[in-house]
PDB file of N, CA and C in Angstrom:
ATOM      1  N   MET A   1    -110.487 130.554  32.180  1.00  0.00           N
ATOM      2  CA  MET A   1    -111.221 129.801  31.201  1.00  0.00           C
ATOM      3  C   MET A   1    -111.434 130.687  29.985  1.00  0.00           C
ATOM      4  N   SER A   2    -111.311 130.091  28.825  1.00  0.00           N
ATOM      5  CA  SER A   2    -111.626 130.842  27.610  1.00  0.00           C
ATOM      6  C   SER A   2    -112.290 129.923  26.593  1.00  0.00           C
ATOM      7  N   LEU A   3    -113.176 130.508  25.805  1.00  0.00           N
ATOM      8  CA  LEU A   3    -113.834 129.821  24.711  1.00  0.00           C
ATOM      9  C   LEU A   3    -113.657 130.703  23.490  1.00  0.00           C
ATOM     10  N   ARG A   4    -112.909 130.186  22.493  1.00  0.00           N
ATOM     11  CA  ARG A   4    -112.544 130.985  21.322  1.00  0.00           C
ATOM     12  C   ARG A   4    -112.887 130.248  20.035  1.00  0.00           C
ATOM     13  N   VAL A   5    -113.179 131.012  18.991  1.00  0.00           N
ATOM     14  CA  VAL A   5    -113.506 130.462  17.672  1.00  0.00           C
ATOM     15  C   VAL A   5    -112.383 130.850  16.712  1.00  0.00           C
ATOM     16  N   TYR A   6    -111.923 129.876  15.917  1.00  0.00           N
ATOM     17  CA  TYR A   6    -110.840 130.073  14.951  1.00  0.00           C
ATOM     18  C   TYR A   6    -111.299 129.660  13.555  1.00  0.00           C
ATOM     19  N   ASN A   7    -110.695 130.258  12.531  1.00  0.00           N
ATOM     20  CA  ASN A   7    -110.950 129.815  11.164  1.00  0.00           C
ATOM     21  C   ASN A   7    -109.976 128.683  10.814  1.00  0.00           C
ATOM     22  N   THR A   8    -110.074 128.156   9.612  1.00  0.00           N
ATOM     23  CA  THR A   8    -109.236 127.015   9.229  1.00  0.00           C
ATOM     24  C   THR A   8    -107.770 127.383   9.081  1.00  0.00           C
ATOM     25  N   ALA A   9    -107.456 128.676   9.001  1.00  0.00           N
ATOM     26  CA  ALA A   9    -106.066 129.127   8.953  1.00  0.00           C
ATOM     27  C   ALA A   9    -105.483 129.281  10.359  1.00  0.00           C
ATOM     28  N   GLY A  10    -106.305 129.020  11.369  1.00  0.00           N
ATOM     29  CA  GLY A  10    -105.845 129.134  12.745  1.00  0.00           C
ATOM     30  C   GLY A  10    -105.934 130.539  13.305  1.00  0.00           C
ATOM     31  N   GLN A  11    -106.587 131.432  12.574  1.00  0.00           N
ATOM     32  CA  GLN A  11    -106.733 132.813  13.037  1.00  0.00           C
ATOM     33  C   GLN A  11    -107.923 132.924  13.982  1.00  0.00           C
ATOM     34  N   LEU A  12    -107.731 133.634  15.072  1.00  0.00           N
ATOM     35  CA  LEU A  12    -108.805 133.867  16.023  1.00  0.00           C
ATOM     36  C   LEU A  12    -109.847 134.768  15.382  1.00  0.00           C
ATOM     37  N   VAL A  13    -111.113 134.337  15.392  1.00  0.00           N
ATOM     38  CA  VAL A  13    -112.172 135.174  14.824  1.00  0.00           C
ATOM     39  C   VAL A  13    -113.088 135.758  15.896  1.00  0.00           C
ATOM     40  N   LYS A  14    -113.221 135.072  17.051  1.00  0.00           N
ATOM     41  CA  LYS A  14    -114.083 135.614  18.097  1.00  0.00           C
ATOM     42  C   LYS A  14    -113.791 134.945  19.435  1.00  0.00           C
ATOM     43  N   VAL A  15    -113.831 135.740  20.487  1.00  0.00           N
ATOM     44  CA  VAL A  15    -113.733 135.224  21.852  1.00  0.00           C
ATOM     45  C   VAL A  15    -115.151 135.213  22.410  1.00  0.00           C
ATOM     46  N   LEU A  16    -115.647 134.026  22.741  1.00  0.00           N
ATOM     47  CA  LEU A  16    -117.005 133.912  23.263  1.00  0.00           C
ATOM     48  C   LEU A  16    -117.052 134.056  24.773  1.00  0.00           C
ATOM     49  N   ALA A  17    -115.986 133.670  25.444  1.00  0.00           N
ATOM     50  CA  ALA A  17    -115.924 133.783  26.901  1.00  0.00           C
ATOM     51  C   ALA A  17    -114.466 133.826  27.326  1.00  0.00           C
ATOM     52  N   SER A  18    -114.207 134.593  28.371  1.00  0.00           N
ATOM     53  CA  SER A  18    -112.856 134.672  28.889  1.00  0.00           C
ATOM     54  C   SER A  18    -112.920 135.196  30.319  1.00  0.00           C
ATOM     55  N   GLY A  19    -112.199 134.569  31.202  1.00  0.00           N
ATOM     56  CA  GLY A  19    -112.178 135.031  32.579  1.00  0.00           C
ATOM     57  C   GLY A  19    -112.286 133.889  33.566  1.00  0.00           C
ATOM     58  N   ARG A  20    -112.575 134.242  34.794  1.00  0.00           N
ATOM     59  CA  ARG A  20    -112.723 133.255  35.859  1.00  0.00           C
ATOM     60  C   ARG A  20    -114.206 132.939  36.039  1.00  0.00           C
ATOM     61  N   TYR A  21    -114.502 131.666  36.154  1.00  0.00           N
ATOM     62  CA  TYR A  21    -115.879 131.216  36.343  1.00  0.00           C
ATOM     63  C   TYR A  21    -115.922 130.230  37.495  1.00  0.00           C
ATOM     64  N   LYS A  22    -116.994 130.257  38.239  1.00  0.00           N
ATOM     65  CA  LYS A  22    -117.195 129.275  39.296  1.00  0.00           C
ATOM     66  C   LYS A  22    -117.514 127.938  38.642  1.00  0.00           C
ATOM     67  N   PRO A  23    -117.185 126.824  39.300  1.00  0.00           N
ATOM     68  CA  PRO A  23    -117.527 125.511  38.750  1.00  0.00           C
ATOM     69  C   PRO A  23    -119.032 125.408  38.476  1.00  0.00           C
ATOM     70  N   GLY A  24    -119.362 124.754  37.375  1.00  0.00           N
ATOM     71  CA  GLY A  24    -120.764 124.590  37.017  1.00  0.00           C
ATOM     72  C   GLY A  24    -120.929 124.425  35.528  1.00  0.00           C
ATOM     73  N   ALA A  25    -122.165 124.372  35.110  1.00  0.00           N
ATOM     74  CA  ALA A  25    -122.505 124.212  33.696  1.00  0.00           C
ATOM     75  C   ALA A  25    -122.839 125.583  33.107  1.00  0.00           C
ATOM     76  N   TYR A  26    -122.313 125.846  31.940  1.00  0.00           N
ATOM     77  CA  TYR A  26    -122.541 127.117  31.264  1.00  0.00           C
ATOM     78  C   TYR A  26    -122.904 126.847  29.807  1.00  0.00           C
ATOM     79  N   THR A  27    -123.577 127.817  29.188  1.00  0.00           N
ATOM     80  CA  THR A  27    -123.948 127.727  27.778  1.00  0.00           C
ATOM     81  C   THR A  27    -123.458 128.979  27.064  1.00  0.00           C
ATOM     82  N   SER A  28    -122.948 128.788  25.860  1.00  0.00           N
ATOM     83  CA  SER A  28    -122.524 129.906  25.035  1.00  0.00           C
ATOM     84  C   SER A  28    -123.035 129.674  23.620  1.00  0.00           C
ATOM     85  N   VAL A  29    -123.517 130.720  22.996  1.00  0.00           N
ATOM     86  CA  VAL A  29    -124.036 130.627  21.627  1.00  0.00           C
ATOM     87  C   VAL A  29    -123.219 131.545  20.733  1.00  0.00           C
ATOM     88  N   TRP A  30    -122.738 130.996  19.618  1.00  0.00           N
ATOM     89  CA  TRP A  30    -122.025 131.787  18.628  1.00  0.00           C
ATOM     90  C   TRP A  30    -122.973 132.055  17.467  1.00  0.00           C
ATOM     91  N   ASN A  31    -123.137 133.315  17.110  1.00  0.00           N
ATOM     92  CA  ASN A  31    -124.081 133.688  16.051  1.00  0.00           C
ATOM     93  C   ASN A  31    -123.449 133.786  14.666  1.00  0.00           C
ATOM     94  N   GLY A  32    -122.224 133.293  14.517  1.00  0.00           N
ATOM     95  CA  GLY A  32    -121.582 133.283  13.202  1.00  0.00           C
ATOM     96  C   GLY A  32    -120.936 134.591  12.810  1.00  0.00           C
ATOM     97  N   THR A  33    -120.689 135.461  13.784  1.00  0.00           N
ATOM     98  CA  THR A  33    -120.047 136.733  13.490  1.00  0.00           C
ATOM     99  C   THR A  33    -118.630 136.756  14.052  1.00  0.00           C
ATOM    100  N   ASP A  34    -117.827 137.696  13.539  1.00  0.00           N
ATOM    101  CA  ASP A  34    -116.465 137.854  14.052  1.00  0.00           C
ATOM    102  C   ASP A  34    -116.468 138.845  15.209  1.00  0.00           C
ATOM    103  N   ALA A  35    -115.292 139.214  15.680  1.00  0.00           N
ATOM    104  CA  ALA A  35    -115.163 140.100  16.832  1.00  0.00           C
ATOM    105  C   ALA A  35    -115.733 141.499  16.576  1.00  0.00           C
ATOM    106  N   LYS A  36    -115.843 141.883  15.308  1.00  0.00           N
ATOM    107  CA  LYS A  36    -116.396 143.196  14.964  1.00  0.00           C
ATOM    108  C   LYS A  36    -117.876 143.127  14.599  1.00  0.00           C
ATOM    109  N   GLY A  37    -118.485 141.963  14.756  1.00  0.00           N
ATOM    110  CA  GLY A  37    -119.907 141.811  14.475  1.00  0.00           C
ATOM    111  C   GLY A  37    -120.247 141.531  13.033  1.00  0.00           C
ATOM    112  N   ARG A  38    -119.236 141.305  12.197  1.00  0.00           N
ATOM    113  CA  ARG A  38    -119.472 141.016  10.779  1.00  0.00           C
ATOM    114  C   ARG A  38    -119.805 139.538  10.595  1.00  0.00           C
ATOM    115  N   ARG A  39    -120.771 139.269   9.746  1.00  0.00           N
ATOM    116  CA  ARG A  39    -121.168 137.891   9.444  1.00  0.00           C
ATOM    117  C   ARG A  39    -120.030 137.191   8.711  1.00  0.00           C
ATOM    118  N   LEU A  40    -119.653 135.998   9.173  1.00  0.00           N
ATOM    119  CA  LEU A  40    -118.586 135.229   8.536  1.00  0.00           C
ATOM    120  C   LEU A  40    -119.141 134.347   7.429  1.00  0.00           C
ATOM    121  N   ALA A  41    -118.272 133.961   6.526  1.00  0.00           N
ATOM    122  CA  ALA A  41    -118.655 133.087   5.413  1.00  0.00           C
ATOM    123  C   ALA A  41    -118.997 131.699   5.933  1.00  0.00           C
ATOM    124  N   ASN A  42    -119.909 131.042   5.222  1.00  0.00           N
ATOM    125  CA  ASN A  42    -120.203 129.645   5.550  1.00  0.00           C
ATOM    126  C   ASN A  42    -118.935 128.827   5.407  1.00  0.00           C
ATOM    127  N   GLY A  43    -118.793 127.820   6.237  1.00  0.00           N
ATOM    128  CA  GLY A  43    -117.615 126.974   6.152  1.00  0.00           C
ATOM    129  C   GLY A  43    -117.284 126.334   7.481  1.00  0.00           C
ATOM    130  N   VAL A  44    -116.070 125.817   7.561  1.00  0.00           N
ATOM    131  CA  VAL A  44    -115.606 125.103   8.746  1.00  0.00           C
ATOM    132  C   VAL A  44    -114.839 126.062   9.658  1.00  0.00           C
ATOM    133  N   TYR A  45    -115.143 125.989  10.937  1.00  0.00           N
ATOM    134  CA  TYR A  45    -114.463 126.755  11.969  1.00  0.00           C
ATOM    135  C   TYR A  45    -114.143 125.788  13.110  1.00  0.00           C
ATOM    136  N   PHE A  46    -113.360 126.234  14.027  1.00  0.00           N
ATOM    137  CA  PHE A  46    -113.015 125.419  15.192  1.00  0.00           C
ATOM    138  C   PHE A  46    -113.224 126.242  16.447  1.00  0.00           C
ATOM    139  N   TYR A  47    -113.691 125.587  17.503  1.00  0.00           N
ATOM    140  CA  TYR A  47    -113.752 126.284  18.782  1.00  0.00           C
ATOM    141  C   TYR A  47    -112.827 125.572  19.748  1.00  0.00           C
ATOM    142  N   ALA A  48    -112.269 126.320  20.667  1.00  0.00           N
ATOM    143  CA  ALA A  48    -111.351 125.779  21.663  1.00  0.00           C
ATOM    144  C   ALA A  48    -111.777 126.252  23.044  1.00  0.00           C
ATOM    145  N   LEU A  49    -111.944 125.299  23.945  1.00  0.00           N
ATOM    146  CA  LEU A  49    -112.264 125.579  25.339  1.00  0.00           C
ATOM    147  C   LEU A  49    -111.012 125.271  26.144  1.00  0.00           C
ATOM    148  N   ASP A  50    -110.493 126.278  26.826  1.00  0.00           N
ATOM    149  CA  ASP A  50    -109.233 126.146  27.561  1.00  0.00           C
ATOM    150  C   ASP A  50    -109.455 126.571  29.005  1.00  0.00           C
ATOM    151  N   ASN A  51    -109.134 125.679  29.935  1.00  0.00           N
ATOM    152  CA  ASN A  51    -109.308 126.019  31.347  1.00  0.00           C
ATOM    153  C   ASN A  51    -107.977 126.264  32.052  1.00  0.00           C
ATOM    154  N   GLY A  52    -106.905 126.393  31.295  1.00  0.00           N
ATOM    155  CA  GLY A  52    -105.592 126.616  31.877  1.00  0.00           C
ATOM    156  C   GLY A  52    -104.818 125.341  32.119  1.00  0.00           C
ATOM    157  N   VAL A  53    -105.520 124.217  32.178  1.00  0.00           N
ATOM    158  CA  VAL A  53    -104.890 122.905  32.366  1.00  0.00           C
ATOM    159  C   VAL A  53    -105.147 122.033  31.144  1.00  0.00           C
ATOM    160  N   ASN A  54    -106.381 122.037  30.687  1.00  0.00           N
ATOM    161  CA  ASN A  54    -106.781 121.220  29.535  1.00  0.00           C
ATOM    162  C   ASN A  54    -107.341 122.116  28.437  1.00  0.00           C
ATOM    163  N   ARG A  55    -107.187 121.637  27.203  1.00  0.00           N
ATOM    164  CA  ARG A  55    -107.755 122.348  26.049  1.00  0.00           C
ATOM    165  C   ARG A  55    -108.521 121.331  25.219  1.00  0.00           C
ATOM    166  N   ILE A  56    -109.766 121.676  24.929  1.00  0.00           N
ATOM    167  CA  ILE A  56    -110.628 120.846  24.080  1.00  0.00           C
ATOM    168  C   ILE A  56    -110.937 121.651  22.826  1.00  0.00           C
ATOM    169  N   SER A  57    -110.712 121.048  21.670  1.00  0.00           N
ATOM    170  CA  SER A  57    -110.959 121.714  20.405  1.00  0.00           C
ATOM    171  C   SER A  57    -111.871 120.846  19.550  1.00  0.00           C
ATOM    172  N   ARG A  58    -112.867 121.449  18.925  1.00  0.00           N
ATOM    173  CA  ARG A  58    -113.799 120.722  18.079  1.00  0.00           C
ATOM    174  C   ARG A  58    -114.110 121.531  16.823  1.00  0.00           C
ATOM    175  N   LYS A  59    -114.545 120.824  15.802  1.00  0.00           N
ATOM    176  CA  LYS A  59    -114.912 121.444  14.529  1.00  0.00           C
ATOM    177  C   LYS A  59    -116.396 121.812  14.563  1.00  0.00           C
ATOM    178  N   VAL A  60    -116.715 122.931  13.926  1.00  0.00           N
ATOM    179  CA  VAL A  60    -118.106 123.349  13.767  1.00  0.00           C
ATOM    180  C   VAL A  60    -118.285 123.850  12.334  1.00  0.00           C
ATOM    181  N   VAL A  61    -119.429 123.565  11.749  1.00  0.00           N
ATOM    182  CA  VAL A  61    -119.720 124.008  10.391  1.00  0.00           C
ATOM    183  C   VAL A  61    -120.754 125.119  10.452  1.00  0.00           C
ATOM    184  N   LEU A  62    -120.401 126.258   9.882  1.00  0.00           N
ATOM    185  CA  LEU A  62    -121.331 127.405   9.818  1.00  0.00           C
ATOM    186  C   LEU A  62    -122.033 127.352   8.476  1.00  0.00           C
ATOM    187  N   ALA A  63    -123.358 127.285   8.518  1.00  0.00           N
ATOM    188  CA  ALA A  63    -124.146 127.226   7.286  1.00  0.00           C
ATOM    189  C   ALA A  63    -125.452 127.999   7.507  1.00  0.00           C
ATOM    190  N   ASP A  64    -125.895 128.689   6.476  1.00  0.00           N
ATOM    191  CA  ASP A  64    -127.178 129.427   6.554  1.00  0.00           C
ATOM    192  C   ASP A  64    -128.325 128.479   6.403  1.00  0.00           C
TER     193      ASP A  64
END
């Protein structure tokens, strides 16, 4: 399972979760930073949840 955040150019900006997880409900919070901890610009980003069989992608707007 992986949960990743991408910019509008399709570039990976942060991996929020990756690995094997037992079935269940989980929560993840993205604080608007990239993989190096730098604050990203306000704008549109996309997150993708991939379990190896299915991939769900949604838009998110980062705003202060």
